[in-house]
PDB file of N, CA and C in Angstrom:
ATOM      1  N   MET A   1      91.056 125.516  98.955  1.00  0.00           N
ATOM      2  CA  MET A   1      91.549 124.507  98.053  1.00  0.00           C
ATOM      3  C   MET A   1      90.857 123.179  98.367  1.00  0.00           C
ATOM      4  N   LEU A   2      90.482 122.427  97.332  1.00  0.00           N
ATOM      5  CA  LEU A   2      89.815 121.152  97.502  1.00  0.00           C
ATOM      6  C   LEU A   2      90.800 120.071  97.897  1.00  0.00           C
ATOM      7  N   GLY A   3      90.381 119.200  98.824  1.00  0.00           N
ATOM      8  CA  GLY A   3      91.189 118.047  99.188  1.00  0.00           C
ATOM      9  C   GLY A   3      91.043 116.962  98.137  1.00  0.00           C
ATOM     10  N   TYR A   4      91.884 115.932  98.215  1.00  0.00           N
ATOM     11  CA  TYR A   4      91.855 114.860  97.217  1.00  0.00           C
ATOM     12  C   TYR A   4      90.485 114.200  97.158  1.00  0.00           C
ATOM     13  N   ASP A   5      89.872 113.903  98.313  1.00  0.00           N
ATOM     14  CA  ASP A   5      88.566 113.256  98.327  1.00  0.00           C
ATOM     15  C   ASP A   5      87.484 114.127  97.707  1.00  0.00           C
ATOM     16  N   ASP A   6      87.638 115.443  97.784  1.00  0.00           N
ATOM     17  CA  ASP A   6      86.645 116.349  97.214  1.00  0.00           C
ATOM     18  C   ASP A   6      86.707 116.377  95.690  1.00  0.00           C
ATOM     19  N   LYS A   7      87.802 115.937  95.099  1.00  0.00           N
ATOM     20  CA  LYS A   7      87.972 115.949  93.648  1.00  0.00           C
ATOM     21  C   LYS A   7      87.443 114.688  92.981  1.00  0.00           C
ATOM     22  N   ARG A   8      87.061 113.698  93.769  1.00  0.00           N
ATOM     23  CA  ARG A   8      86.564 112.442  93.212  1.00  0.00           C
ATOM     24  C   ARG A   8      85.240 112.662  92.481  1.00  0.00           C
ATOM     25  N   ASN A   9      85.049 111.890  91.391  1.00  0.00           N
ATOM     26  CA  ASN A   9      83.796 111.946  90.659  1.00  0.00           C
ATOM     27  C   ASN A   9      82.710 111.097  91.307  1.00  0.00           C
ATOM     28  N   PHE A  10      83.138 110.077  92.070  1.00  0.00           N
ATOM     29  CA  PHE A  10      82.190 109.160  92.687  1.00  0.00           C
ATOM     30  C   PHE A  10      82.522 108.992  94.161  1.00  0.00           C
ATOM     31  N   PHE A  11      81.498 108.888  94.982  1.00  0.00           N
ATOM     32  CA  PHE A  11      81.645 108.675  96.416  1.00  0.00           C
ATOM     33  C   PHE A  11      82.217 107.288  96.668  1.00  0.00           C
ATOM     34  N   ARG A  12      83.150 107.163  97.608  1.00  0.00           N
ATOM     35  CA  ARG A  12      83.714 105.863  97.988  1.00  0.00           C
ATOM     36  C   ARG A  12      83.006 105.359  99.236  1.00  0.00           C
ATOM     37  N   MET A  13      82.576 104.105  99.179  1.00  0.00           N
ATOM     38  CA  MET A  13      81.911 103.472 100.306  1.00  0.00           C
ATOM     39  C   MET A  13      82.926 102.587 101.035  1.00  0.00           C
ATOM     40  N   MET A  14      83.057 102.775 102.332  1.00  0.00           N
ATOM     41  CA  MET A  14      83.968 101.970 103.128  1.00  0.00           C
ATOM     42  C   MET A  14      83.381 100.566 103.260  1.00  0.00           C
ATOM     43  N   VAL A  15      84.208  99.544 103.021  1.00  0.00           N
ATOM     44  CA  VAL A  15      83.719  98.170 103.026  1.00  0.00           C
ATOM     45  C   VAL A  15      84.410  97.341 104.107  1.00  0.00           C
ATOM     46  N   ASN A  16      85.746  97.311 104.077  1.00  0.00           N
ATOM     47  CA  ASN A  16      86.553  96.517 105.012  1.00  0.00           C
ATOM     48  C   ASN A  16      86.044  95.076 105.104  1.00  0.00           C
ATOM     49  N   SER A  17      86.030  94.419 103.954  1.00  0.00           N
ATOM     50  CA  SER A  17      85.524  93.055 103.849  1.00  0.00           C
ATOM     51  C   SER A  17      86.562  92.163 103.181  1.00  0.00           C
ATOM     52  N   GLY A  18      86.632  90.916 103.627  1.00  0.00           N
ATOM     53  CA  GLY A  18      87.525  89.964 102.999  1.00  0.00           C
ATOM     54  C   GLY A  18      87.085  89.670 101.574  1.00  0.00           C
ATOM     55  N   CYS A  19      88.045  89.401 100.698  1.00  0.00           N
ATOM     56  CA  CYS A  19      87.732  89.089  99.314  1.00  0.00           C
ATOM     57  C   CYS A  19      88.866  88.266  98.714  1.00  0.00           C
ATOM     58  N   GLU A  20      88.656  87.813  97.483  1.00  0.00           N
ATOM     59  CA  GLU A  20      89.687  87.085  96.757  1.00  0.00           C
ATOM     60  C   GLU A  20      90.000  87.809  95.469  1.00  0.00           C
ATOM     61  N   LEU A  21      91.290  87.880  95.157  1.00  0.00           N
ATOM     62  CA  LEU A  21      91.758  88.483  93.915  1.00  0.00           C
ATOM     63  C   LEU A  21      92.405  87.391  93.075  1.00  0.00           C
ATOM     64  N   THR A  22      91.955  87.240  91.853  1.00  0.00           N
ATOM     65  CA  THR A  22      92.612  86.338  90.919  1.00  0.00           C
ATOM     66  C   THR A  22      93.483  87.209  90.029  1.00  0.00           C
ATOM     67  N   ILE A  23      94.787  87.021  90.155  1.00  0.00           N
ATOM     68  CA  ILE A  23      95.757  87.853  89.448  1.00  0.00           C
ATOM     69  C   ILE A  23      96.151  87.151  88.160  1.00  0.00           C
ATOM     70  N   ASN A  24      96.014  87.848  87.050  1.00  0.00           N
ATOM     71  CA  ASN A  24      96.387  87.314  85.745  1.00  0.00           C
ATOM     72  C   ASN A  24      97.558  88.114  85.206  1.00  0.00           C
ATOM     73  N   ASP A  25      98.788  87.631  85.476  1.00  0.00           N
ATOM     74  CA  ASP A  25      99.967  88.338  84.993  1.00  0.00           C
ATOM     75  C   ASP A  25     100.816  87.410  84.131  1.00  0.00           C
ATOM     76  N   GLU A  26     102.003  87.859  83.768  1.00  0.00           N
ATOM     77  CA  GLU A  26     102.878  87.087  82.884  1.00  0.00           C
ATOM     78  C   GLU A  26     103.320  85.779  83.525  1.00  0.00           C
ATOM     79  N   GLN A  27     103.411  85.736  84.855  1.00  0.00           N
ATOM     80  CA  GLN A  27     103.883  84.544  85.546  1.00  0.00           C
ATOM     81  C   GLN A  27     102.834  83.433  85.557  1.00  0.00           C
ATOM     82  N   SER A  28     101.621  83.774  85.897  1.00  0.00           N
ATOM     83  CA  SER A  28     100.580  82.758  86.018  1.00  0.00           C
ATOM     84  C   SER A  28      99.255  83.420  86.367  1.00  0.00           C
ATOM     85  N   SER A  29      98.284  82.570  86.613  1.00  0.00           N
ATOM     86  CA  SER A  29      97.010  83.032  87.150  1.00  0.00           C
ATOM     87  C   SER A  29      96.912  82.415  88.542  1.00  0.00           C
ATOM     88  N   ARG A  30      96.815  83.258  89.569  1.00  0.00           N
ATOM     89  CA  ARG A  30      96.769  82.759  90.937  1.00  0.00           C
ATOM     90  C   ARG A  30      95.767  83.579  91.742  1.00  0.00           C
ATOM     91  N   THR A  31      95.292  82.992  92.829  1.00  0.00           N
ATOM     92  CA  THR A  31      94.313  83.660  93.680  1.00  0.00           C
ATOM     93  C   THR A  31      94.940  83.958  95.033  1.00  0.00           C
ATOM     94  N   ILE A  32      94.743  85.194  95.508  1.00  0.00           N
ATOM     95  CA  ILE A  32      95.238  85.585  96.824  1.00  0.00           C
ATOM     96  C   ILE A  32      94.096  86.194  97.626  1.00  0.00           C
ATOM     97  N   SER A  33      94.229  86.141  98.939  1.00  0.00           N
ATOM     98  CA  SER A  33      93.248  86.766  99.822  1.00  0.00           C
ATOM     99  C   SER A  33      93.601  88.233 100.015  1.00  0.00           C
ATOM    100  N   ALA A  34      92.587  89.055 100.187  1.00  0.00           N
ATOM    101  CA  ALA A  34      92.781  90.492 100.372  1.00  0.00           C
ATOM    102  C   ALA A  34      91.681  91.026 101.269  1.00  0.00           C
ATOM    103  N   VAL A  35      91.845  92.266 101.686  1.00  0.00           N
ATOM    104  CA  VAL A  35      90.790  92.977 102.407  1.00  0.00           C
ATOM    105  C   VAL A  35      90.429  94.186 101.562  1.00  0.00           C
ATOM    106  N   CYS A  36      89.176  94.253 101.134  1.00  0.00           N
ATOM    107  CA  CYS A  36      88.697  95.396 100.357  1.00  0.00           C
ATOM    108  C   CYS A  36      88.383  96.522 101.339  1.00  0.00           C
ATOM    109  N   HIS A  37      89.094  97.646 101.193  1.00  0.00           N
ATOM    110  CA  HIS A  37      88.873  98.780 102.099  1.00  0.00           C
ATOM    111  C   HIS A  37      87.706  99.644 101.650  1.00  0.00           C
ATOM    112  N   ASP A  38      87.663  99.938 100.354  1.00  0.00           N
ATOM    113  CA  ASP A  38      86.575 100.779  99.869  1.00  0.00           C
ATOM    114  C   ASP A  38      86.288 100.491  98.405  1.00  0.00           C
ATOM    115  N   ILE A  39      85.108 100.955  97.976  1.00  0.00           N
ATOM    116  CA  ILE A  39      84.665 100.735  96.605  1.00  0.00           C
ATOM    117  C   ILE A  39      83.877 101.954  96.139  1.00  0.00           C
ATOM    118  N   SER A  40      84.011 102.264  94.852  1.00  0.00           N
ATOM    119  CA  SER A  40      83.212 103.332  94.246  1.00  0.00           C
ATOM    120  C   SER A  40      82.647 102.796  92.939  1.00  0.00           C
ATOM    121  N   ALA A  41      82.009 103.639  92.175  1.00  0.00           N
ATOM    122  CA  ALA A  41      81.427 103.215  90.904  1.00  0.00           C
ATOM    123  C   ALA A  41      82.490 102.806  89.896  1.00  0.00           C
ATOM    124  N   THR A  42      83.725 103.294  90.058  1.00  0.00           N
ATOM    125  CA  THR A  42      84.757 103.016  89.056  1.00  0.00           C
ATOM    126  C   THR A  42      85.998 102.319  89.587  1.00  0.00           C
ATOM    127  N   GLY A  43      86.096 102.090  90.902  1.00  0.00           N
ATOM    128  CA  GLY A  43      87.304 101.470  91.427  1.00  0.00           C
ATOM    129  C   GLY A  43      87.167 100.967  92.843  1.00  0.00           C
ATOM    130  N   MET A  44      88.244 100.306  93.312  1.00  0.00           N
ATOM    131  CA  MET A  44      88.292  99.741  94.651  1.00  0.00           C
ATOM    132  C   MET A  44      89.718  99.827  95.167  1.00  0.00           C
ATOM    133  N   SER A  45      89.881  99.694  96.487  1.00  0.00           N
ATOM    134  CA  SER A  45      91.225  99.568  97.041  1.00  0.00           C
ATOM    135  C   SER A  45      91.252  98.384  97.995  1.00  0.00           C
ATOM    136  N   PHE A  46      92.402  97.702  98.014  1.00  0.00           N
ATOM    137  CA  PHE A  46      92.585  96.484  98.788  1.00  0.00           C
ATOM    138  C   PHE A  46      93.879  96.541  99.563  1.00  0.00           C
ATOM    139  N   GLU A  47      93.928  95.764 100.634  1.00  0.00           N
ATOM    140  CA  GLU A  47      95.177  95.528 101.338  1.00  0.00           C
ATOM    141  C   GLU A  47      95.576  94.082 101.059  1.00  0.00           C
ATOM    142  N   VAL A  48      96.800  93.891 100.575  1.00  0.00           N
ATOM    143  CA  VAL A  48      97.319  92.563 100.252  1.00  0.00           C
ATOM    144  C   VAL A  48      98.701  92.410 100.859  1.00  0.00           C
ATOM    145  N   ASP A  49      99.226  91.186 100.854  1.00  0.00           N
ATOM    146  CA  ASP A  49     100.536  90.957 101.463  1.00  0.00           C
ATOM    147  C   ASP A  49     101.676  90.866 100.460  1.00  0.00           C
ATOM    148  N   GLU A  50     101.406  91.204  99.205  1.00  0.00           N
ATOM    149  CA  GLU A  50     102.444  91.231  98.176  1.00  0.00           C
ATOM    150  C   GLU A  50     102.148  92.350  97.191  1.00  0.00           C
ATOM    151  N   PRO A  51     103.188  92.942  96.598  1.00  0.00           N
ATOM    152  CA  PRO A  51     102.930  94.000  95.622  1.00  0.00           C
ATOM    153  C   PRO A  51     102.358  93.413  94.330  1.00  0.00           C
ATOM    154  N   ILE A  52     101.535  94.194  93.653  1.00  0.00           N
ATOM    155  CA  ILE A  52     100.984  93.797  92.361  1.00  0.00           C
ATOM    156  C   ILE A  52     101.361  94.889  91.365  1.00  0.00           C
ATOM    157  N   GLU A  53     101.949  94.501  90.265  1.00  0.00           N
ATOM    158  CA  GLU A  53     102.469  95.448  89.279  1.00  0.00           C
ATOM    159  C   GLU A  53     101.347  96.240  88.616  1.00  0.00           C
ATOM    160  N   LEU A  54     101.614  97.522  88.348  1.00  0.00           N
ATOM    161  CA  LEU A  54     100.650  98.378  87.659  1.00  0.00           C
ATOM    162  C   LEU A  54     100.286  97.775  86.310  1.00  0.00           C
ATOM    163  N   GLY A  55      99.012  97.874  85.954  1.00  0.00           N
ATOM    164  CA  GLY A  55      98.531  97.352  84.679  1.00  0.00           C
ATOM    165  C   GLY A  55      98.092  95.901  84.730  1.00  0.00           C
ATOM    166  N   THR A  56      98.371  95.201  85.825  1.00  0.00           N
ATOM    167  CA  THR A  56      97.992  93.795  85.959  1.00  0.00           C
ATOM    168  C   THR A  56      96.476  93.657  86.007  1.00  0.00           C
ATOM    169  N   LYS A  57      95.940  92.685  85.269  1.00  0.00           N
ATOM    170  CA  LYS A  57      94.507  92.399  85.292  1.00  0.00           C
ATOM    171  C   LYS A  57      94.188  91.569  86.525  1.00  0.00           C
ATOM    172  N   VAL A  58      93.139  91.966  87.242  1.00  0.00           N
ATOM    173  CA  VAL A  58      92.751  91.307  88.481  1.00  0.00           C
ATOM    174  C   VAL A  58      91.239  91.079  88.463  1.00  0.00           C
ATOM    175  N   ASN A  59      90.831  89.843  88.769  1.00  0.00           N
ATOM    176  CA  ASN A  59      89.408  89.547  88.939  1.00  0.00           C
ATOM    177  C   ASN A  59      89.122  89.600  90.429  1.00  0.00           C
ATOM    178  N   VAL A  60      88.129  90.388  90.814  1.00  0.00           N
ATOM    179  CA  VAL A  60      87.783  90.592  92.226  1.00  0.00           C
ATOM    180  C   VAL A  60      86.495  89.843  92.539  1.00  0.00           C
ATOM    181  N   SER A  61      86.503  89.138  93.669  1.00  0.00           N
ATOM    182  CA  SER A  61      85.308  88.426  94.114  1.00  0.00           C
ATOM    183  C   SER A  61      85.081  88.727  95.595  1.00  0.00           C
ATOM    184  N   ILE A  62      83.943  89.376  95.884  1.00  0.00           N
ATOM    185  CA  ILE A  62      83.559  89.676  97.260  1.00  0.00           C
ATOM    186  C   ILE A  62      82.237  88.980  97.526  1.00  0.00           C
ATOM    187  N   GLU A  63      82.282  87.986  98.411  1.00  0.00           N
ATOM    188  CA  GLU A  63      81.077  87.228  98.747  1.00  0.00           C
ATOM    189  C   GLU A  63      80.188  88.063  99.672  1.00  0.00           C
ATOM    190  N   SER A  64      78.900  88.041  99.413  1.00  0.00           N
ATOM    191  CA  SER A  64      77.942  88.745 100.257  1.00  0.00           C
ATOM    192  C   SER A  64      77.522  87.855 101.421  1.00  0.00           C
ATOM    193  N   THR A  65      77.359  88.460 102.572  1.00  0.00           N
ATOM    194  CA  THR A  65      76.870  87.725 103.744  1.00  0.00           C
ATOM    195  C   THR A  65      75.365  87.889 103.908  1.00  0.00           C
ATOM    196  N   SER A  66      74.746  88.625 102.995  1.00  0.00           N
ATOM    197  CA  SER A  66      73.310  88.880 103.055  1.00  0.00           C
ATOM    198  C   SER A  66      72.614  88.268 101.846  1.00  0.00           C
ATOM    199  N   SER A  67      71.472  87.658 102.072  1.00  0.00           N
ATOM    200  CA  SER A  67      70.704  87.089 100.959  1.00  0.00           C
ATOM    201  C   SER A  67      70.072  88.180 100.093  1.00  0.00           C
ATOM    202  N   GLN A  68      70.023  89.409 100.604  1.00  0.00           N
ATOM    203  CA  GLN A  68      69.412  90.513  99.863  1.00  0.00           C
ATOM    204  C   GLN A  68      70.415  91.332  99.061  1.00  0.00           C
ATOM    205  N   ILE A  69      71.703  91.086  99.286  1.00  0.00           N
ATOM    206  CA  ILE A  69      72.744  91.816  98.561  1.00  0.00           C
ATOM    207  C   ILE A  69      73.567  90.797  97.781  1.00  0.00           C
ATOM    208  N   PRO A  70      73.641  90.932  96.447  1.00  0.00           N
ATOM    209  CA  PRO A  70      74.395  89.948  95.658  1.00  0.00           C
ATOM    210  C   PRO A  70      75.905  90.078  95.871  1.00  0.00           C
ATOM    211  N   SER A  71      76.604  88.987  95.636  1.00  0.00           N
ATOM    212  CA  SER A  71      78.064  89.021  95.680  1.00  0.00           C
ATOM    213  C   SER A  71      78.567  89.893  94.535  1.00  0.00           C
ATOM    214  N   LEU A  72      79.778  90.406  94.695  1.00  0.00           N
ATOM    215  CA  LEU A  72      80.363  91.270  93.675  1.00  0.00           C
ATOM    216  C   LEU A  72      81.479  90.514  92.968  1.00  0.00           C
ATOM    217  N   VAL A  73      81.451  90.513  91.647  1.00  0.00           N
ATOM    218  CA  VAL A  73      82.521  89.948  90.838  1.00  0.00           C
ATOM    219  C   VAL A  73      82.818  90.969  89.750  1.00  0.00           C
ATOM    220  N   ALA A  74      84.101  91.336  89.632  1.00  0.00           N
ATOM    221  CA  ALA A  74      84.470  92.369  88.662  1.00  0.00           C
ATOM    222  C   ALA A  74      85.858  92.122  88.092  1.00  0.00           C
ATOM    223  N   ASP A  75      86.012  92.410  86.803  1.00  0.00           N
ATOM    224  CA  ASP A  75      87.335  92.450  86.188  1.00  0.00           C
ATOM    225  C   ASP A  75      87.866  93.853  86.400  1.00  0.00           C
ATOM    226  N   SER A  76      89.142  93.949  86.735  1.00  0.00           N
ATOM    227  CA  SER A  76      89.719  95.258  87.024  1.00  0.00           C
ATOM    228  C   SER A  76      91.187  95.295  86.614  1.00  0.00           C
ATOM    229  N   LYS A  77      91.776  96.485  86.718  1.00  0.00           N
ATOM    230  CA  LYS A  77      93.179  96.703  86.360  1.00  0.00           C
ATOM    231  C   LYS A  77      93.843  97.513  87.461  1.00  0.00           C
ATOM    232  N   VAL A  78      95.045  97.086  87.878  1.00  0.00           N
ATOM    233  CA  VAL A  78      95.780  97.771  88.934  1.00  0.00           C
ATOM    234  C   VAL A  78      96.277  99.126  88.426  1.00  0.00           C
ATOM    235  N   VAL A  79      95.929 100.193  89.163  1.00  0.00           N
ATOM    236  CA  VAL A  79      96.360 101.544  88.795  1.00  0.00           C
ATOM    237  C   VAL A  79      97.259 102.179  89.860  1.00  0.00           C
ATOM    238  N   ARG A  80      97.344 101.515  91.032  1.00  0.00           N
ATOM    239  CA  ARG A  80      98.172 102.045  92.121  1.00  0.00           C
ATOM    240  C   ARG A  80      98.561 100.907  93.046  1.00  0.00           C
ATOM    241  N   CYS A  81      99.798 100.942  93.547  1.00  0.00           N
ATOM    242  CA  CYS A  81     100.249  99.975  94.543  1.00  0.00           C
ATOM    243  C   CYS A  81     101.279 100.675  95.422  1.00  0.00           C
ATOM    244  N   SER A  82     100.987 100.779  96.715  1.00  0.00           N
ATOM    245  CA  SER A  82     101.916 101.447  97.621  1.00  0.00           C
ATOM    246  C   SER A  82     102.137 100.593  98.859  1.00  0.00           C
ATOM    247  N   GLU A  83     103.372 100.587  99.338  1.00  0.00           N
ATOM    248  CA  GLU A  83     103.744  99.796 100.501  1.00  0.00           C
ATOM    249  C   GLU A  83     103.267 100.485 101.776  1.00  0.00           C
ATOM    250  N   GLN A  84     102.548  99.738 102.619  1.00  0.00           N
ATOM    251  CA  GLN A  84     102.126 100.233 103.923  1.00  0.00           C
ATOM    252  C   GLN A  84     103.177  99.880 104.969  1.00  0.00           C
ATOM    253  N   THR A  85     103.491  98.576 105.035  1.00  0.00           N
ATOM    254  CA  THR A  85     104.517  98.043 105.930  1.00  0.00           C
ATOM    255  C   THR A  85     105.334  97.047 105.112  1.00  0.00           C
ATOM    256  N   ALA A  86     106.268  96.355 105.764  1.00  0.00           N
ATOM    257  CA  ALA A  86     107.113  95.397 105.051  1.00  0.00           C
ATOM    258  C   ALA A  86     106.312  94.272 104.398  1.00  0.00           C
ATOM    259  N   ASP A  87     105.159  93.925 104.954  1.00  0.00           N
ATOM    260  CA  ASP A  87     104.354  92.829 104.400  1.00  0.00           C
ATOM    261  C   ASP A  87     102.904  93.228 104.135  1.00  0.00           C
ATOM    262  N   SER A  88     102.677  94.500 103.842  1.00  0.00           N
ATOM    263  CA  SER A  88     101.334  94.998 103.584  1.00  0.00           C
ATOM    264  C   SER A  88     101.368  96.078 102.499  1.00  0.00           C
ATOM    265  N   PHE A  89     100.526  95.901 101.477  1.00  0.00           N
ATOM    266  CA  PHE A  89     100.473  96.833 100.358  1.00  0.00           C
ATOM    267  C   PHE A  89      99.026  97.249 100.112  1.00  0.00           C
ATOM    268  N   ILE A  90      98.825  98.510  99.751  1.00  0.00           N
ATOM    269  CA  ILE A  90      97.511  99.006  99.356  1.00  0.00           C
ATOM    270  C   ILE A  90      97.487  99.072  97.834  1.00  0.00           C
ATOM    271  N   VAL A  91      96.518  98.379  97.243  1.00  0.00           N
ATOM    272  CA  VAL A  91      96.388  98.296  95.793  1.00  0.00           C
ATOM    273  C   VAL A  91      95.096  98.983  95.380  1.00  0.00           C
ATOM    274  N   GLY A  92      95.182  99.882  94.422  1.00  0.00           N
ATOM    275  CA  GLY A  92      94.008 100.534  93.857  1.00  0.00           C
ATOM    276  C   GLY A  92      93.748  99.974  92.474  1.00  0.00           C
ATOM    277  N   VAL A  93      92.497  99.629  92.196  1.00  0.00           N
ATOM    278  CA  VAL A  93      92.149  99.092  90.879  1.00  0.00           C
ATOM    279  C   VAL A  93      91.033  99.914  90.243  1.00  0.00           C
ATOM    280  N   GLU A  94      91.050  99.923  88.935  1.00  0.00           N
ATOM    281  CA  GLU A  94      89.983 100.520  88.130  1.00  0.00           C
ATOM    282  C   GLU A  94      89.086  99.384  87.676  1.00  0.00           C
ATOM    283  N   ILE A  95      87.775  99.518  87.892  1.00  0.00           N
ATOM    284  CA  ILE A  95      86.836  98.475  87.456  1.00  0.00           C
ATOM    285  C   ILE A  95      86.676  98.575  85.945  1.00  0.00           C
ATOM    286  N   ILE A  96      86.902  97.440  85.275  1.00  0.00           N
ATOM    287  CA  ILE A  96      86.739  97.364  83.823  1.00  0.00           C
ATOM    288  C   ILE A  96      85.338  96.878  83.482  1.00  0.00           C
ATOM    289  N   GLU A  97      84.896  95.816  84.177  1.00  0.00           N
ATOM    290  CA  GLU A  97      83.586  95.233  83.907  1.00  0.00           C
ATOM    291  C   GLU A  97      83.049  94.520  85.136  1.00  0.00           C
ATOM    292  N   MET A  98      81.795  94.785  85.472  1.00  0.00           N
ATOM    293  CA  MET A  98      81.109  94.066  86.544  1.00  0.00           C
ATOM    294  C   MET A  98      80.475  92.831  85.915  1.00  0.00           C
ATOM    295  N   LYS A  99      80.502  91.721  86.650  1.00  0.00           N
ATOM    296  CA  LYS A  99      79.941  90.484  86.096  1.00  0.00           C
ATOM    297  C   LYS A  99      78.708  90.061  86.858  1.00  0.00           C
TER     298      LYS A  99
END
């Protein structure tokens, strides 16, 4: 039987890099700090200190530390949010558009 990772259409690259998420929900537009754990051609996962509701639009910005690798900016949508600890959540997003 195939494991969950074996069913993926795209390989996930481990990143573990700091980033900023601009959350655009009904309350407001605000920016929070996050840690991007991994990224693939169609999505990413982050660790944040607050839950983000499914379907919320999120702009992701990951600054590059290398002059040879461009920074990443993408519009995305939250497709998963699970509690790790009392103050830590893992958020999965689907990339809508790379900028």
